[in-house]
Protein backbone atom coordinates (compact mmCIF):
# COMPACT_ATOMS: atom_id res chain seq x y z
CA MET A 1 67.37 -101.69 8.46
CA THR A 2 69.60 -98.97 7.06
CA THR A 3 73.36 -99.29 7.51
CA THR A 4 74.27 -96.16 9.46
CA ALA A 5 73.37 -96.20 13.12
CA THR A 6 72.25 -92.58 13.22
CA ASP A 7 69.77 -93.20 10.37
CA ALA A 8 68.73 -96.68 11.49
CA ARG A 9 65.04 -97.50 11.36
CA TYR A 10 63.91 -100.87 12.64
CA SER A 11 60.82 -102.80 11.70
CA LEU A 12 58.87 -104.02 14.72
CA GLU A 13 60.21 -107.53 14.12
CA GLU A 14 63.80 -106.24 13.96
CA ALA A 15 63.31 -104.12 17.07
CA ASN A 16 61.93 -107.08 19.00
CA ARG A 17 64.94 -109.19 17.96
CA LEU A 18 67.11 -106.43 19.39
CA LEU A 19 65.56 -106.75 22.88
CA PRO A 20 67.91 -109.42 24.32
CA LEU A 21 70.88 -107.17 23.53
CA LEU A 22 69.10 -104.11 24.95
CA GLU A 23 68.17 -106.09 28.06
CA SER A 24 71.81 -107.14 28.50
CA ILE A 25 73.09 -103.57 28.16
CA ALA A 26 70.30 -102.33 30.46
CA THR A 27 71.32 -104.87 33.10
CA GLU A 28 74.91 -103.68 32.87
CA ILE A 29 73.77 -100.09 33.28
CA ARG A 30 71.61 -100.91 36.30
CA GLU A 31 74.37 -102.94 37.96
CA ARG A 32 76.96 -100.21 37.43
CA ARG A 33 74.63 -97.52 38.72
CA ASP A 34 73.78 -99.60 41.82
CA GLU A 35 77.45 -100.17 42.49
CA GLN A 36 78.17 -96.48 42.00
CA ARG A 37 75.52 -95.54 44.56
CA ARG A 38 76.81 -98.13 47.04
CA LEU A 39 80.41 -96.96 46.68
CA ALA A 40 79.46 -93.29 46.85
CA ARG A 41 77.66 -93.94 50.16
CA LEU A 42 80.68 -95.85 51.45
CA ARG A 43 82.96 -93.02 50.37
CA ASP A 44 80.78 -90.48 52.17
CA GLU A 45 80.83 -92.61 55.33
CA LEU A 46 84.61 -92.99 55.23
CA GLU A 47 85.15 -89.31 54.59
CA SER A 48 82.84 -88.27 57.40
CA SER A 49 84.39 -90.71 59.92
CA ARG A 50 87.74 -88.91 59.65
CA THR A 51 89.75 -91.90 60.80
CA PRO A 52 93.29 -91.33 59.56
CA GLU A 53 94.38 -94.96 59.23
CA GLY A 54 94.30 -95.83 55.56
CA LEU A 55 91.65 -93.23 54.84
CA ASP A 56 93.52 -91.57 52.00
CA LYS A 57 94.28 -94.92 50.36
CA SER A 58 90.70 -96.16 50.82
CA LEU A 59 89.28 -92.95 49.38
CA ALA A 60 91.65 -93.10 46.44
CA GLU A 61 90.67 -96.72 45.73
CA LEU A 62 86.98 -95.84 45.92
CA ASP A 63 87.50 -92.84 43.62
CA ALA A 64 89.30 -95.08 41.12
CA ARG A 65 86.49 -97.65 41.20
CA LEU A 66 83.84 -94.94 40.83
CA MET A 67 85.70 -93.57 37.79
CA GLU A 68 85.90 -97.11 36.35
CA LEU A 69 82.15 -97.51 36.80
CA GLN A 70 81.49 -94.13 35.20
CA LEU A 71 83.61 -95.11 32.19
CA GLY A 72 81.74 -98.45 31.95
CA LEU A 73 78.44 -96.60 31.99
CA ARG A 74 79.62 -94.34 29.16
CA GLU A 75 80.65 -97.40 27.17
CA ALA A 76 77.28 -99.07 27.71
CA LEU A 77 75.47 -95.92 26.66
CA GLY A 78 77.76 -95.74 23.65
CA GLU A 79 76.75 -99.28 22.69
CA LEU A 80 73.15 -98.17 22.66
CA GLU A 81 73.99 -95.11 20.63
CA ALA A 82 75.87 -97.29 18.11
CA LEU A 83 72.65 -99.27 17.63
CA GLY A 84 70.89 -96.01 16.78
CA VAL A 85 68.69 -96.09 19.89
CA SER A 86 68.48 -93.51 22.68
CA ILE A 87 67.61 -93.50 26.33
CA LEU A 88 64.63 -91.40 27.36
CA ARG A 89 65.16 -91.99 31.09
CA LEU A 90 67.12 -94.23 33.41
CA LYS A 91 64.36 -94.98 35.98
CA PRO A 92 62.75 -97.03 34.69
CA LEU A 93 65.28 -97.48 31.89
CA THR A 94 63.27 -96.47 28.83
CA VAL A 95 64.77 -96.87 25.37
CA HIS A 96 63.59 -95.20 22.17
CA ILE A 97 64.13 -97.26 19.02
CA PRO A 98 63.71 -95.50 15.70
CA GLY A 99 61.22 -97.56 13.72
CA ARG A 100 59.25 -97.81 10.57
CA THR A 101 55.83 -99.14 9.85
CA GLN A 102 53.78 -99.42 6.67
CA HIS A 103 52.39 -95.99 7.59
CA GLY A 104 55.79 -94.31 8.06
CA ASP A 105 58.38 -93.61 10.69
CA ILE A 106 57.69 -94.13 14.39
CA VAL A 107 59.68 -94.33 17.63
CA TYR A 108 59.24 -97.62 19.47
CA CYS A 109 59.35 -97.19 23.23
CA TRP A 110 60.64 -100.10 25.33
CA GLN A 111 61.14 -100.32 29.10
CA VAL A 112 63.37 -102.81 30.85
CA GLY A 113 61.47 -105.96 31.75
CA GLU A 114 59.04 -105.81 28.84
CA GLY A 115 59.28 -108.99 26.80
CA ARG A 116 58.38 -107.29 23.53
CA ILE A 117 57.75 -103.86 22.14
CA THR A 118 54.15 -102.81 22.65
CA HIS A 119 54.41 -99.00 22.87
CA GLY A 120 55.55 -96.17 20.71
CA HIS A 121 55.47 -92.51 19.83
CA LEU A 122 54.85 -90.56 16.69
CA ILE A 123 57.89 -88.68 15.39
CA GLY A 124 58.14 -85.40 17.31
CA GLU A 125 56.09 -86.71 20.27
CA GLU A 126 58.87 -88.66 22.00
CA ASP A 127 58.48 -86.68 25.24
CA ASP A 128 54.74 -87.37 25.39
CA PRO A 129 53.41 -90.38 27.30
CA ARG A 130 53.99 -93.56 25.34
CA ARG A 131 50.99 -95.15 23.64
CA PRO A 132 50.16 -98.77 22.92
CA LEU A 133 50.98 -99.72 19.34
CA GLN A 134 48.02 -100.43 17.09
CA LEU A 135 48.97 -103.88 15.85
CA ARG A 136 47.05 -105.97 13.40
CA PRO A 137 46.64 -109.63 14.36
CA GLN A 138 49.20 -111.82 12.65
CA PRO A 139 47.85 -114.70 10.58
CA ASP A 140 48.11 -118.05 12.31
CA ALA A 141 51.09 -119.89 10.77
CA SER A 142 49.57 -123.28 11.62
CA ALA A 143 46.42 -122.62 9.61
């Protein structure tokens, strides 16, 4: 793999070793987004109820927590960017990993929950539907 994150190209093996970290960051993103949605609904309910007792304080606390979650999301997305990968979409969380094969550069396409990378895109076709990778069978190590 090259040393600068913006120019990083991963082999399929390197990209697959990256998956536990990507899964961890993806879980953080999902949890923060779920909490944001829950708190935003709660904030809307509080604001629409118009009960004066503690409303301003409650709304301020919710706003502070929502801002904290937003900052955490930015940090998580920054972690992905530092790895040289990008997010195609958040639902389902789909990550593009710049890769290389013996035939040239490729973009590996991984979705949360997939145990290994099995899909990809040709360079310039990242917005097209992802395609299964054409992998050659690996020789049996026990043979």
